C-alpha atoms as a PDB file:
ATOM      1  CA  UNK A   1       0.000   0.000   0.000  1.00  0.00           C
ATOM      2  CA  UNK A   2       1.484   3.337  -1.018  1.00  0.00           C
ATOM      3  CA  UNK A   3       2.102   6.059   1.536  1.00  0.00           C
ATOM      4  CA  UNK A   4      -0.402   8.589   0.097  1.00  0.00           C
ATOM      5  CA  UNK A   5      -3.176   5.966   0.283  1.00  0.00           C
ATOM      6  CA  UNK A   6      -2.382   5.198   3.919  1.00  0.00           C
ATOM      7  CA  UNK A   7      -2.357   8.915   4.748  1.00  0.00           C
ATOM      8  CA  UNK A   8      -5.840   9.423   3.286  1.00  0.00           C
ATOM      9  CA  UNK A   9      -7.210   6.473   5.211  1.00  0.00           C
ATOM     10  CA  UNK A  10      -5.833   7.951   8.428  1.00  0.00           C
ATOM     11  CA  UNK A  11      -7.902  11.084   7.796  1.00  0.00           C
ATOM     12  CA  UNK A  12     -11.031   8.955   7.429  1.00  0.00           C
ATOM     13  CA  UNK A  13     -10.618   6.439  10.243  1.00  0.00           C
ATOM     14  CA  UNK A  14     -11.918   8.399  13.249  1.00  0.00           C
ATOM     15  CA  UNK A  15     -15.274  10.247  13.026  1.00  0.00           C
ATOM     16  CA  UNK A  16     -13.870  13.219  14.968  1.00  0.00           C
ATOM     17  CA  UNK A  17     -11.009  13.582  12.471  1.00  0.00           C
ATOM     18  CA  UNK A  18     -13.384  13.322   9.521  1.00  0.00           C
ATOM     19  CA  UNK A  19     -15.430  16.168  10.974  1.00  0.00           C
ATOM     20  CA  UNK A  20     -12.328  18.239  11.712  1.00  0.00           C
ATOM     21  CA  UNK A  21     -10.966  18.085   8.159  1.00  0.00           C
ATOM     22  CA  UNK A  22     -14.271  18.563   6.329  1.00  0.00           C
ATOM     23  CA  UNK A  23     -14.246  21.554   4.007  1.00  0.00           C
ATOM     24  CA  UNK A  24     -17.978  21.476   3.217  1.00  0.00           C
ATOM     25  CA  UNK A  25     -20.595  21.806   5.917  1.00  0.00           C
ATOM     26  CA  UNK A  26     -24.274  22.631   6.144  1.00  0.00           C
ATOM     27  CA  UNK A  27     -25.779  25.155   8.509  1.00  0.00           C
ATOM     28  CA  UNK A  28     -29.448  26.100   9.099  1.00  0.00           C
ATOM     29  CA  UNK A  29     -28.850  29.815   8.538  1.00  0.00           C
ATOM     30  CA  UNK A  30     -27.987  29.092   4.881  1.00  0.00           C
ATOM     31  CA  UNK A  31     -31.368  27.398   4.263  1.00  0.00           C
ATOM     32  CA  UNK A  32     -34.589  28.969   2.972  1.00  0.00           C
ATOM     33  CA  UNK A  33     -37.956  27.244   3.495  1.00  0.00           C
ATOM     34  CA  UNK A  34     -40.514  27.673   0.692  1.00  0.00           C
ATOM     35  CA  UNK A  35     -44.069  28.176   1.970  1.00  0.00           C
ATOM     36  CA  UNK A  36     -47.433  28.359   0.205  1.00  0.00           C
ATOM     37  CA  UNK A  37     -49.989  30.807   1.573  1.00  0.00           C
ATOM     38  CA  UNK A  38     -53.700  31.179   0.804  1.00  0.00           C
ATOM     39  CA  UNK A  39     -56.681  33.047   2.210  1.00  0.00           C
ATOM     40  CA  UNK A  40     -58.966  31.763   4.951  1.00  0.00           C
ATOM     41  CA  UNK A  41     -58.492  30.794   8.582  1.00  0.00           C
ATOM     42  CA  UNK A  42     -57.134  27.704  10.268  1.00  0.00           C
ATOM     43  CA  UNK A  43     -56.327  26.104   6.903  1.00  0.00           C
ATOM     44  CA  UNK A  44     -53.517  23.619   6.657  1.00  0.00           C
ATOM     45  CA  UNK A  45     -54.265  21.888   3.364  1.00  0.00           C
ATOM     46  CA  UNK A  46     -51.890  18.966   2.662  1.00  0.00           C
ATOM     47  CA  UNK A  47     -50.122  18.944  -0.699  1.00  0.00           C
ATOM     48  CA  UNK A  48     -50.499  15.356  -1.837  1.00  0.00           C
ATOM     49  CA  UNK A  49     -47.451  15.356  -4.123  1.00  0.00           C
ATOM     50  CA  UNK A  50     -45.230  16.862  -1.426  1.00  0.00           C
ATOM     51  CA  UNK A  51     -45.719  15.003   1.875  1.00  0.00           C
ATOM     52  CA  UNK A  52     -45.280  17.223   4.914  1.00  0.00           C
ATOM     53  CA  UNK A  53     -45.967  20.447   2.987  1.00  0.00           C
ATOM     54  CA  UNK A  54     -49.175  22.460   3.101  1.00  0.00           C
ATOM     55  CA  UNK A  55     -51.121  25.351   1.711  1.00  0.00           C
ATOM     56  CA  UNK A  56     -51.382  27.583   4.781  1.00  0.00           C
ATOM     57  CA  UNK A  57     -53.802  30.296   5.766  1.00  0.00           C
ATOM     58  CA  UNK A  58     -52.078  33.332   7.245  1.00  0.00           C
ATOM     59  CA  UNK A  59     -52.734  32.360  10.871  1.00  0.00           C
ATOM     60  CA  UNK A  60     -51.184  28.943  10.212  1.00  0.00           C
ATOM     61  CA  UNK A  61     -48.332  30.581   8.301  1.00  0.00           C
ATOM     62  CA  UNK A  62     -47.469  32.674  11.355  1.00  0.00           C
ATOM     63  CA  UNK A  63     -47.357  29.546  13.523  1.00  0.00           C
ATOM     64  CA  UNK A  64     -45.142  27.835  10.964  1.00  0.00           C
ATOM     65  CA  UNK A  65     -42.731  30.748  10.769  1.00  0.00           C
ATOM     66  CA  UNK A  66     -42.411  30.860  14.553  1.00  0.00           C
ATOM     67  CA  UNK A  67     -41.132  27.286  14.463  1.00  0.00           C
ATOM     68  CA  UNK A  68     -38.854  27.996  11.514  1.00  0.00           C
ATOM     69  CA  UNK A  69     -37.299  30.976  13.299  1.00  0.00           C
ATOM     70  CA  UNK A  70     -36.782  28.918  16.476  1.00  0.00           C
ATOM     71  CA  UNK A  71     -34.763  26.382  14.470  1.00  0.00           C
ATOM     72  CA  UNK A  72     -32.301  29.021  13.298  1.00  0.00           C
ATOM     73  CA  UNK A  73     -33.272  28.669   9.639  1.00  0.00           C
ATOM     74  CA  UNK A  74     -32.130  31.572   7.487  1.00  0.00           C
ATOM     75  CA  UNK A  75     -35.495  32.538   6.084  1.00  0.00           C
ATOM     76  CA  UNK A  76     -38.596  31.727   4.100  1.00  0.00           C
ATOM     77  CA  UNK A  77     -39.799  32.391   0.569  1.00  0.00           C
ATOM     78  CA  UNK A  78     -43.524  32.944   0.086  1.00  0.00           C
ATOM     79  CA  UNK A  79     -45.657  31.764  -2.829  1.00  0.00           C
ATOM     80  CA  UNK A  80     -49.205  33.092  -2.975  1.00  0.00           C
ATOM     81  CA  UNK A  81     -52.382  31.269  -3.975  1.00  0.00           C
ATOM     82  CA  UNK A  82     -55.119  33.808  -4.735  1.00  0.00           C
ATOM     83  CA  UNK A  83     -58.863  33.287  -4.470  1.00  0.00           C
ATOM     84  CA  UNK A  84     -59.368  34.480  -8.027  1.00  0.00           C
ATOM     85  CA  UNK A  85     -57.157  34.327 -11.081  1.00  0.00           C
ATOM     86  CA  UNK A  86     -57.368  36.350 -14.277  1.00  0.00           C
ATOM     87  CA  UNK A  87     -55.443  36.935 -17.483  1.00  0.00           C
ATOM     88  CA  UNK A  88     -52.973  39.412 -15.989  1.00  0.00           C
ATOM     89  CA  UNK A  89     -52.654  38.058 -12.437  1.00  0.00           C
ATOM     90  CA  UNK A  90     -54.318  41.072 -10.807  1.00  0.00           C
ATOM     91  CA  UNK A  91     -54.075  39.761  -7.237  1.00  0.00           C
ATOM     92  CA  UNK A  92     -50.291  39.853  -7.489  1.00  0.00           C
ATOM     93  CA  UNK A  93     -50.503  43.630  -7.933  1.00  0.00           C
ATOM     94  CA  UNK A  94     -53.025  44.219  -5.135  1.00  0.00           C
ATOM     95  CA  UNK A  95     -51.621  45.907  -2.030  1.00  0.00           C
ATOM     96  CA  UNK A  96     -54.077  43.819  -0.013  1.00  0.00           C
ATOM     97  CA  UNK A  97     -53.362  40.643  -1.955  1.00  0.00           C
ATOM     98  CA  UNK A  98     -52.383  37.399  -0.314  1.00  0.00           C
ATOM     99  CA  UNK A  99     -48.617  37.990  -0.300  1.00  0.00           C
ATOM    100  CA  UNK A 100     -48.661  41.548   1.126  1.00  0.00           C
ATOM    101  CA  UNK A 101     -51.035  40.321   3.850  1.00  0.00           C
ATOM    102  CA  UNK A 102     -48.743  37.391   4.608  1.00  0.00           C
ATOM    103  CA  UNK A 103     -45.591  39.497   4.719  1.00  0.00           C
ATOM    104  CA  UNK A 104     -47.178  42.024   7.089  1.00  0.00           C
ATOM    105  CA  UNK A 105     -48.443  39.257   9.392  1.00  0.00           C
ATOM    106  CA  UNK A 106     -45.063  37.539   9.622  1.00  0.00           C
ATOM    107  CA  UNK A 107     -43.210  40.797  10.148  1.00  0.00           C
ATOM    108  CA  UNK A 108     -45.669  41.946  12.795  1.00  0.00           C
ATOM    109  CA  UNK A 109     -45.049  38.722  14.711  1.00  0.00           C
ATOM    110  CA  UNK A 110     -41.348  38.108  14.147  1.00  0.00           C
ATOM    111  CA  UNK A 111     -39.894  41.446  13.108  1.00  0.00           C
ATOM    112  CA  UNK A 112     -36.328  40.907  11.937  1.00  0.00           C
ATOM    113  CA  UNK A 113     -35.977  37.457  13.512  1.00  0.00           C
ATOM    114  CA  UNK A 114     -36.671  35.789  10.174  1.00  0.00           C
ATOM    115  CA  UNK A 115     -35.746  36.838   6.646  1.00  0.00           C
ATOM    116  CA  UNK A 116     -38.814  37.041   4.410  1.00  0.00           C
ATOM    117  CA  UNK A 117     -38.329  36.564   0.672  1.00  0.00           C
ATOM    118  CA  UNK A 118     -41.159  36.788  -1.822  1.00  0.00           C
ATOM    119  CA  UNK A 119     -41.571  35.175  -5.200  1.00  0.00           C
ATOM    120  CA  UNK A 120     -42.160  37.858  -7.837  1.00  0.00           C
ATOM    121  CA  UNK A 121     -43.956  36.228 -10.745  1.00  0.00           C
ATOM    122  CA  UNK A 122     -47.444  35.707 -12.198  1.00  0.00           C
ATOM    123  CA  UNK A 123     -47.861  31.978 -12.808  1.00  0.00           C
ATOM    124  CA  UNK A 124     -49.716  31.414  -9.513  1.00  0.00           C
ATOM    125  CA  UNK A 125     -52.071  34.320 -10.264  1.00  0.00           C
ATOM    126  CA  UNK A 126     -52.964  33.978 -13.958  1.00  0.00           C
ATOM    127  CA  UNK A 127     -55.848  31.851 -15.171  1.00  0.00           C
ATOM    128  CA  UNK A 128     -53.628  30.507 -17.950  1.00  0.00           C
ATOM    129  CA  UNK A 129     -50.714  29.610 -15.658  1.00  0.00           C
ATOM    130  CA  UNK A 130     -48.029  31.485 -17.588  1.00  0.00           C
ATOM    131  CA  UNK A 131     -45.574  33.962 -16.116  1.00  0.00           C
ATOM    132  CA  UNK A 132     -46.893  37.109 -17.777  1.00  0.00           C
ATOM    133  CA  UNK A 133     -49.296  38.728 -20.176  1.00  0.00           C
ATOM    134  CA  UNK A 134     -50.212  36.499 -23.115  1.00  0.00           C
ATOM    135  CA  UNK A 135     -50.200  37.774 -26.680  1.00  0.00           C
ATOM    136  CA  UNK A 136     -51.214  36.084 -29.918  1.00  0.00           C
ATOM    137  CA  UNK A 137     -48.542  36.187 -32.592  1.00  0.00           C
ATOM    138  CA  UNK A 138     -49.282  36.555 -36.344  1.00  0.00           C
ATOM    139  CA  UNK A 139     -48.617  32.839 -36.676  1.00  0.00           C
ATOM    140  CA  UNK A 140     -51.539  32.154 -34.330  1.00  0.00           C
ATOM    141  CA  UNK A 141     -49.249  30.946 -31.588  1.00  0.00           C
ATOM    142  CA  UNK A 142     -49.703  32.303 -28.069  1.00  0.00           C
ATOM    143  CA  UNK A 143     -46.688  33.455 -26.107  1.00  0.00           C
ATOM    144  CA  UNK A 144     -45.792  35.690 -23.173  1.00  0.00           C
ATOM    145  CA  UNK A 145     -45.453  39.355 -24.064  1.00  0.00           C
ATOM    146  CA  UNK A 146     -42.118  39.975 -22.373  1.00  0.00           C
ATOM    147  CA  UNK A 147     -42.047  43.770 -22.488  1.00  0.00           C
ATOM    148  CA  UNK A 148     -45.681  44.260 -21.469  1.00  0.00           C
ATOM    149  CA  UNK A 149     -45.041  42.026 -18.475  1.00  0.00           C
ATOM    150  CA  UNK A 150     -42.129  44.100 -17.160  1.00  0.00           C
ATOM    151  CA  UNK A 151     -44.306  46.993 -15.983  1.00  0.00           C
ATOM    152  CA  UNK A 152     -46.517  44.622 -14.019  1.00  0.00           C
ATOM    153  CA  UNK A 153     -43.490  42.909 -12.477  1.00  0.00           C
ATOM    154  CA  UNK A 154     -42.226  46.268 -11.257  1.00  0.00           C
ATOM    155  CA  UNK A 155     -45.654  46.998  -9.708  1.00  0.00           C
ATOM    156  CA  UNK A 156     -45.765  43.627  -7.975  1.00  0.00           C
ATOM    157  CA  UNK A 157     -42.237  44.024  -6.613  1.00  0.00           C
ATOM    158  CA  UNK A 158     -42.979  47.485  -5.233  1.00  0.00           C
ATOM    159  CA  UNK A 159     -46.074  46.204  -3.429  1.00  0.00           C
ATOM    160  CA  UNK A 160     -44.011  43.430  -1.809  1.00  0.00           C
ATOM    161  CA  UNK A 161     -41.398  45.969  -0.785  1.00  0.00           C
ATOM    162  CA  UNK A 162     -43.997  48.269   0.745  1.00  0.00           C
ATOM    163  CA  UNK A 163     -45.419  45.316   2.713  1.00  0.00           C
ATOM    164  CA  UNK A 164     -42.016  44.718   4.297  1.00  0.00           C
ATOM    165  CA  UNK A 165     -40.333  41.957   2.280  1.00  0.00           C
ATOM    166  CA  UNK A 166     -36.590  41.635   2.943  1.00  0.00           C
ATOM    167  CA  UNK A 167     -35.594  40.134  -0.416  1.00  0.00           C
ATOM    168  CA  UNK A 168     -37.430  40.020  -3.752  1.00  0.00           C
ATOM    169  CA  UNK A 169     -36.995  36.928  -5.920  1.00  0.00           C
ATOM    170  CA  UNK A 170     -38.228  37.419  -9.499  1.00  0.00           C
ATOM    171  CA  UNK A 171     -38.615  33.986 -11.074  1.00  0.00           C
ATOM    172  CA  UNK A 172     -40.295  34.500 -14.455  1.00  0.00           C
ATOM    173  CA  UNK A 173     -37.147  34.684 -16.623  1.00  0.00           C
ATOM    174  CA  UNK A 174     -38.445  37.765 -18.453  1.00  0.00           C
ATOM    175  CA  UNK A 175     -35.726  39.645 -20.333  1.00  0.00           C
ATOM    176  CA  UNK A 176     -35.036  42.940 -18.569  1.00  0.00           C
ATOM    177  CA  UNK A 177     -36.976  42.048 -15.429  1.00  0.00           C
ATOM    178  CA  UNK A 178     -34.166  42.982 -13.034  1.00  0.00           C
ATOM    179  CA  UNK A 179     -33.673  46.393 -14.615  1.00  0.00           C
ATOM    180  CA  UNK A 180     -37.413  47.122 -14.458  1.00  0.00           C
ATOM    181  CA  UNK A 181     -37.747  45.995 -10.844  1.00  0.00           C
ATOM    182  CA  UNK A 182     -34.582  47.771  -9.697  1.00  0.00           C
ATOM    183  CA  UNK A 183     -35.676  51.025 -11.327  1.00  0.00           C
ATOM    184  CA  UNK A 184     -39.094  50.820  -9.684  1.00  0.00           C
ATOM    185  CA  UNK A 185     -37.625  50.112  -6.264  1.00  0.00           C
ATOM    186  CA  UNK A 186     -35.038  52.875  -6.464  1.00  0.00           C
ATOM    187  CA  UNK A 187     -37.590  55.408  -7.699  1.00  0.00           C
ATOM    188  CA  UNK A 188     -39.643  54.739  -4.577  1.00  0.00           C
ATOM    189  CA  UNK A 189     -36.781  54.836  -2.092  1.00  0.00           C
ATOM    190  CA  UNK A 190     -36.128  51.105  -1.689  1.00  0.00           C
ATOM    191  CA  UNK A 191     -32.441  51.382  -2.568  1.00  0.00           C
ATOM    192  CA  UNK A 192     -31.518  48.996   0.234  1.00  0.00           C
ATOM    193  CA  UNK A 193     -33.730  46.109  -0.881  1.00  0.00           C
ATOM    194  CA  UNK A 194     -31.801  43.255  -2.539  1.00  0.00           C
ATOM    195  CA  UNK A 195     -32.962  41.240  -5.536  1.00  0.00           C
ATOM    196  CA  UNK A 196     -32.309  37.528  -5.817  1.00  0.00           C
ATOM    197  CA  UNK A 197     -32.789  36.754  -9.487  1.00  0.00           C
ATOM    198  CA  UNK A 198     -33.733  33.366 -10.882  1.00  0.00           C
ATOM    199  CA  UNK A 199     -31.103  34.053 -13.512  1.00  0.00           C
ATOM    200  CA  UNK A 200     -30.595  30.466 -14.678  1.00  0.00           C
ATOM    201  CA  UNK A 201     -33.984  28.804 -14.395  1.00  0.00           C
ATOM    202  CA  UNK A 202     -34.495  25.801 -16.623  1.00  0.00           C
ATOM    203  CA  UNK A 203     -37.697  24.540 -18.239  1.00  0.00           C
ATOM    204  CA  UNK A 204     -37.354  21.451 -16.100  1.00  0.00           C
ATOM    205  CA  UNK A 205     -39.394  18.303 -15.633  1.00  0.00           C
ATOM    206  CA  UNK A 206     -38.689  18.492 -11.898  1.00  0.00           C
ATOM    207  CA  UNK A 207     -41.335  21.160 -11.179  1.00  0.00           C
ATOM    208  CA  UNK A 208     -44.443  18.960 -11.318  1.00  0.00           C
ATOM    209  CA  UNK A 209     -45.261  18.752  -7.586  1.00  0.00           C
ATOM    210  CA  UNK A 210     -44.809  22.513  -7.176  1.00  0.00           C
ATOM    211  CA  UNK A 211     -47.432  23.144  -9.826  1.00  0.00           C
ATOM    212  CA  UNK A 212     -49.936  21.205  -7.745  1.00  0.00           C
ATOM    213  CA  UNK A 213     -48.871  23.093  -4.623  1.00  0.00           C
ATOM    214  CA  UNK A 214     -49.223  26.521  -6.226  1.00  0.00           C
ATOM    215  CA  UNK A 215     -51.942  25.724  -8.758  1.00  0.00           C
ATOM    216  CA  UNK A 216     -49.672  27.074 -11.467  1.00  0.00           C
ATOM    217  CA  UNK A 217     -49.646  24.457 -14.237  1.00  0.00           C
ATOM    218  CA  UNK A 218     -49.891  26.119 -17.688  1.00  0.00           C
ATOM    219  CA  UNK A 219     -53.345  25.681 -19.217  1.00  0.00           C
ATOM    220  CA  UNK A 220     -51.800  25.507 -22.686  1.00  0.00           C
ATOM    221  CA  UNK A 221     -48.318  25.139 -24.097  1.00  0.00           C
ATOM    222  CA  UNK A 222     -45.293  25.235 -21.840  1.00  0.00           C
ATOM    223  CA  UNK A 223     -42.670  27.702 -20.592  1.00  0.00           C
ATOM    224  CA  UNK A 224     -39.843  26.683 -22.868  1.00  0.00           C
ATOM    225  CA  UNK A 225     -39.932  29.944 -24.825  1.00  0.00           C
ATOM    226  CA  UNK A 226     -38.806  31.927 -21.772  1.00  0.00           C
ATOM    227  CA  UNK A 227     -37.153  29.447 -19.405  1.00  0.00           C
ATOM    228  CA  UNK A 228     -33.806  27.884 -20.296  1.00  0.00           C
ATOM    229  CA  UNK A 229     -33.511  24.726 -22.370  1.00  0.00           C
ATOM    230  CA  UNK A 230     -32.052  21.893 -20.224  1.00  0.00           C
ATOM    231  CA  UNK A 231     -29.789  21.003 -23.150  1.00  0.00           C
ATOM    232  CA  UNK A 232     -28.521  24.562 -23.639  1.00  0.00           C
ATOM    233  CA  UNK A 233     -24.812  25.242 -23.356  1.00  0.00           C
ATOM    234  CA  UNK A 234     -23.424  26.361 -20.019  1.00  0.00           C
ATOM    235  CA  UNK A 235     -22.450  29.549 -21.778  1.00  0.00           C
ATOM    236  CA  UNK A 236     -26.111  30.546 -21.983  1.00  0.00           C
ATOM    237  CA  UNK A 237     -26.395  30.327 -18.215  1.00  0.00           C
ATOM    238  CA  UNK A 238     -23.287  32.464 -17.793  1.00  0.00           C
ATOM    239  CA  UNK A 239     -24.739  35.075 -20.156  1.00  0.00           C
ATOM    240  CA  UNK A 240     -28.076  35.099 -18.293  1.00  0.00           C
ATOM    241  CA  UNK A 241     -26.307  35.587 -14.971  1.00  0.00           C
ATOM    242  CA  UNK A 242     -24.087  38.344 -16.345  1.00  0.00           C
ATOM    243  CA  UNK A 243     -27.091  40.188 -17.789  1.00  0.00           C
ATOM    244  CA  UNK A 244     -28.966  40.094 -14.493  1.00  0.00           C
ATOM    245  CA  UNK A 245     -25.936  41.242 -12.510  1.00  0.00           C
ATOM    246  CA  UNK A 246     -25.438  44.105 -14.961  1.00  0.00           C
ATOM    247  CA  UNK A 247     -29.084  45.104 -14.462  1.00  0.00           C
ATOM    248  CA  UNK A 248     -28.738  45.221 -10.668  1.00  0.00           C
ATOM    249  CA  UNK A 249     -29.275  41.719  -9.244  1.00  0.00           C
ATOM    250  CA  UNK A 250     -27.597  41.230  -5.872  1.00  0.00           C
ATOM    251  CA  UNK A 251     -27.914  37.436  -5.622  1.00  0.00           C
ATOM    252  CA  UNK A 252     -28.263  34.760  -8.266  1.00  0.00           C
ATOM    253  CA  UNK A 253     -30.533  31.709  -8.302  1.00  0.00           C
ATOM    254  CA  UNK A 254     -29.971  28.469 -10.192  1.00  0.00           C
ATOM    255  CA  UNK A 255     -32.982  26.185 -10.494  1.00  0.00           C
ATOM    256  CA  UNK A 256     -33.216  23.184 -10.232  1.00  0.00           C
ATOM    257  CA  UNK A 257     -30.201  22.303  -8.092  1.00  0.00           C
ATOM    258  CA  UNK A 258     -29.177  18.653  -8.297  1.00  0.00           C
ATOM    259  CA  UNK A 259     -29.451  18.179 -12.053  1.00  0.00           C
ATOM    260  CA  UNK A 260     -27.542  21.442 -12.599  1.00  0.00           C
ATOM    261  CA  UNK A 261     -24.629  21.230 -10.165  1.00  0.00           C
ATOM    262  CA  UNK A 262     -22.295  21.826 -13.096  1.00  0.00           C
ATOM    263  CA  UNK A 263     -24.001  25.184 -13.671  1.00  0.00           C
ATOM    264  CA  UNK A 264     -23.741  26.061  -9.969  1.00  0.00           C
ATOM    265  CA  UNK A 265     -20.017  25.333 -10.096  1.00  0.00           C
ATOM    266  CA  UNK A 266     -19.417  27.266 -13.308  1.00  0.00           C
ATOM    267  CA  UNK A 267     -21.320  30.287 -12.046  1.00  0.00           C
ATOM    268  CA  UNK A 268     -19.394  30.166  -8.779  1.00  0.00           C
ATOM    269  CA  UNK A 269     -16.060  30.037 -10.614  1.00  0.00           C
ATOM    270  CA  UNK A 270     -17.011  32.816 -13.020  1.00  0.00           C
ATOM    271  CA  UNK A 271     -18.617  35.190 -10.496  1.00  0.00           C
ATOM    272  CA  UNK A 272     -16.522  34.952  -7.349  1.00  0.00           C
ATOM    273  CA  UNK A 273     -18.024  36.924  -4.496  1.00  0.00           C
ATOM    274  CA  UNK A 274     -21.590  36.908  -5.837  1.00  0.00           C
ATOM    275  CA  UNK A 275     -24.020  35.130  -3.463  1.00  0.00           C
ATOM    276  CA  UNK A 276     -25.425  32.082  -5.240  1.00  0.00           C
ATOM    277  CA  UNK A 277     -28.650  30.304  -4.332  1.00  0.00           C
ATOM    278  CA  UNK A 278     -29.770  26.913  -5.605  1.00  0.00           C
ATOM    279  CA  UNK A 279     -33.333  25.638  -5.432  1.00  0.00           C
ATOM    280  CA  UNK A 280     -33.679  22.007  -4.333  1.00  0.00           C
ATOM    281  CA  UNK A 281     -36.992  21.797  -6.156  1.00  0.00           C
ATOM    282  CA  UNK A 282     -40.235  19.923  -5.568  1.00  0.00           C
ATOM    283  CA  UNK A 283     -39.475  17.027  -7.906  1.00  0.00           C
ATOM    284  CA  UNK A 284     -36.140  16.422  -6.205  1.00  0.00           C
ATOM    285  CA  UNK A 285     -37.969  16.464  -2.869  1.00  0.00           C
ATOM    286  CA  UNK A 286     -40.868  14.216  -3.873  1.00  0.00           C
ATOM    287  CA  UNK A 287     -38.697  11.553  -5.512  1.00  0.00           C
ATOM    288  CA  UNK A 288     -36.690  11.050  -2.335  1.00  0.00           C
ATOM    289  CA  UNK A 289     -39.849  11.120  -0.208  1.00  0.00           C
ATOM    290  CA  UNK A 290     -41.480   8.432  -2.351  1.00  0.00           C
ATOM    291  CA  UNK A 291     -38.403   6.208  -2.289  1.00  0.00           C
ATOM    292  CA  UNK A 292     -37.973   6.656   1.470  1.00  0.00           C
ATOM    293  CA  UNK A 293     -41.610   5.770   2.122  1.00  0.00           C
ATOM    294  CA  UNK A 294     -40.983   2.479   0.306  1.00  0.00           C
ATOM    295  CA  UNK A 295     -37.832   1.794   2.279  1.00  0.00           C
ATOM    296  CA  UNK A 296     -35.606   2.127  -0.775  1.00  0.00           C
ATOM    297  CA  UNK A 297     -33.574   5.045   0.578  1.00  0.00           C
ATOM    298  CA  UNK A 298     -32.530   6.456   3.933  1.00  0.00           C
ATOM    299  CA  UNK A 299     -34.173   9.881   3.694  1.00  0.00           C
ATOM    300  CA  UNK A 300     -31.949  11.662   6.214  1.00  0.00           C
ATOM    301  CA  UNK A 301     -28.727  10.316   4.719  1.00  0.00           C
ATOM    302  CA  UNK A 302     -29.748  11.096   1.130  1.00  0.00           C
ATOM    303  CA  UNK A 303     -30.927  14.613   1.962  1.00  0.00           C
ATOM    304  CA  UNK A 304     -27.799  15.553   3.894  1.00  0.00           C
ATOM    305  CA  UNK A 305     -25.606  14.124   1.129  1.00  0.00           C
ATOM    306  CA  UNK A 306     -27.560  15.987  -1.558  1.00  0.00           C
ATOM    307  CA  UNK A 307     -27.496  19.346   0.201  1.00  0.00           C
ATOM    308  CA  UNK A 308     -23.803  18.917   0.982  1.00  0.00           C
ATOM    309  CA  UNK A 309     -23.194  18.351  -2.739  1.00  0.00           C
ATOM    310  CA  UNK A 310     -25.125  21.522  -3.602  1.00  0.00           C
ATOM    311  CA  UNK A 311     -23.013  23.438  -1.080  1.00  0.00           C
ATOM    312  CA  UNK A 312     -19.758  21.948  -2.377  1.00  0.00           C
ATOM    313  CA  UNK A 313     -20.731  22.913  -5.919  1.00  0.00           C
ATOM    314  CA  UNK A 314     -20.745  26.546  -4.793  1.00  0.00           C
ATOM    315  CA  UNK A 315     -24.167  27.519  -3.448  1.00  0.00           C
ATOM    316  CA  UNK A 316     -24.191  29.867  -0.458  1.00  0.00           C
ATOM    317  CA  UNK A 317     -27.961  29.567  -0.045  1.00  0.00           C
ATOM    318  CA  UNK A 318     -30.223  26.552  -0.548  1.00  0.00           C
ATOM    319  CA  UNK A 319     -33.986  26.727  -0.935  1.00  0.00           C
ATOM    320  CA  UNK A 320     -35.305  23.375   0.227  1.00  0.00           C
ATOM    321  CA  UNK A 321     -38.512  21.832   1.532  1.00  0.00           C
ATOM    322  CA  UNK A 322     -36.341  19.901   3.993  1.00  0.00           C
ATOM    323  CA  UNK A 323     -35.156  23.057   5.780  1.00  0.00           C
ATOM    324  CA  UNK A 324     -36.902  22.229   9.065  1.00  0.00           C
ATOM    325  CA  UNK A 325     -35.831  18.583   9.001  1.00  0.00           C
ATOM    326  CA  UNK A 326     -32.236  19.466   8.185  1.00  0.00           C
ATOM    327  CA  UNK A 327     -32.075  22.032  10.981  1.00  0.00           C
ATOM    328  CA  UNK A 328     -33.254  19.373  13.437  1.00  0.00           C
ATOM    329  CA  UNK A 329     -30.868  16.749  12.075  1.00  0.00           C
ATOM    330  CA  UNK A 330     -27.903  19.112  12.298  1.00  0.00           C
ATOM    331  CA  UNK A 331     -28.766  19.807  15.945  1.00  0.00           C
ATOM    332  CA  UNK A 332     -28.491  16.127  16.834  1.00  0.00           C
ATOM    333  CA  UNK A 333     -25.323  15.032  18.680  1.00  0.00           C
ATOM    334  CA  UNK A 334     -22.548  13.895  16.345  1.00  0.00           C
ATOM    335  CA  UNK A 335     -22.022  10.142  16.263  1.00  0.00           C
END
């Protein structure tokens, strides 16, 4: 046995030494818990495709966020489910809409004890399920009108800011969305408010359970004309990130996480010093849940390994439906 091989085995033999020499570690304050909020009272509606997750009325949301804060989790991101949907997603631009109400309730209860992010998009609010205003092209095809959507995105973002959101997370992949939102925020005095852009968001097959949770499945077509092609070159992702940073993004999101660790790594290498978030999405969550329920996988072990890999790839922040579980697991005594 060669000397270098023996030396590496020595670093692995004792658990305490393994922990001491680890270069990648998870911590609850780097995790963001996605939550789905709806109107009503005392509602905790299970999401069948995502065991352990719920559509929450605001009173239940406040209870949930109290627990999340007590676990030392970094923050939450809110997705709204309106009572009524229409072609332009009007509830998303209503100062008394579901998200502004939710933000105010959480902030009134917890103040600055918990970071509150909000999703800035339209797919949960439109009756067609797309991320903006729909136009009919001369060919007869329907597509999102990118430029017409930008004004509405800026209005939605400003309403979230006025309600007290700490971070805005535009997720629609509209060209120019960061510039429009940043200009609207600055014009109204919200210079301090950071934007976490879904800069490299892929038209992925891993979003299915989320679309049940948020009621956001497209009623026709798909989102491939404005979200990234999974087979696109990594260079496209780099260009998307660069554009959003140039327009004023403060943090960058890559979504999904596990199938795109190469993109996380490339973005980290190219943009040193820029905070990078990765979204451990609903499909990634539900697959592990289903396998664990059948006894095929050890859920805790797989989750901790997966999130460690996302961290090692270069993510500073991880959005994950396991945030509460991971915080509890990390608090357990080391074996």
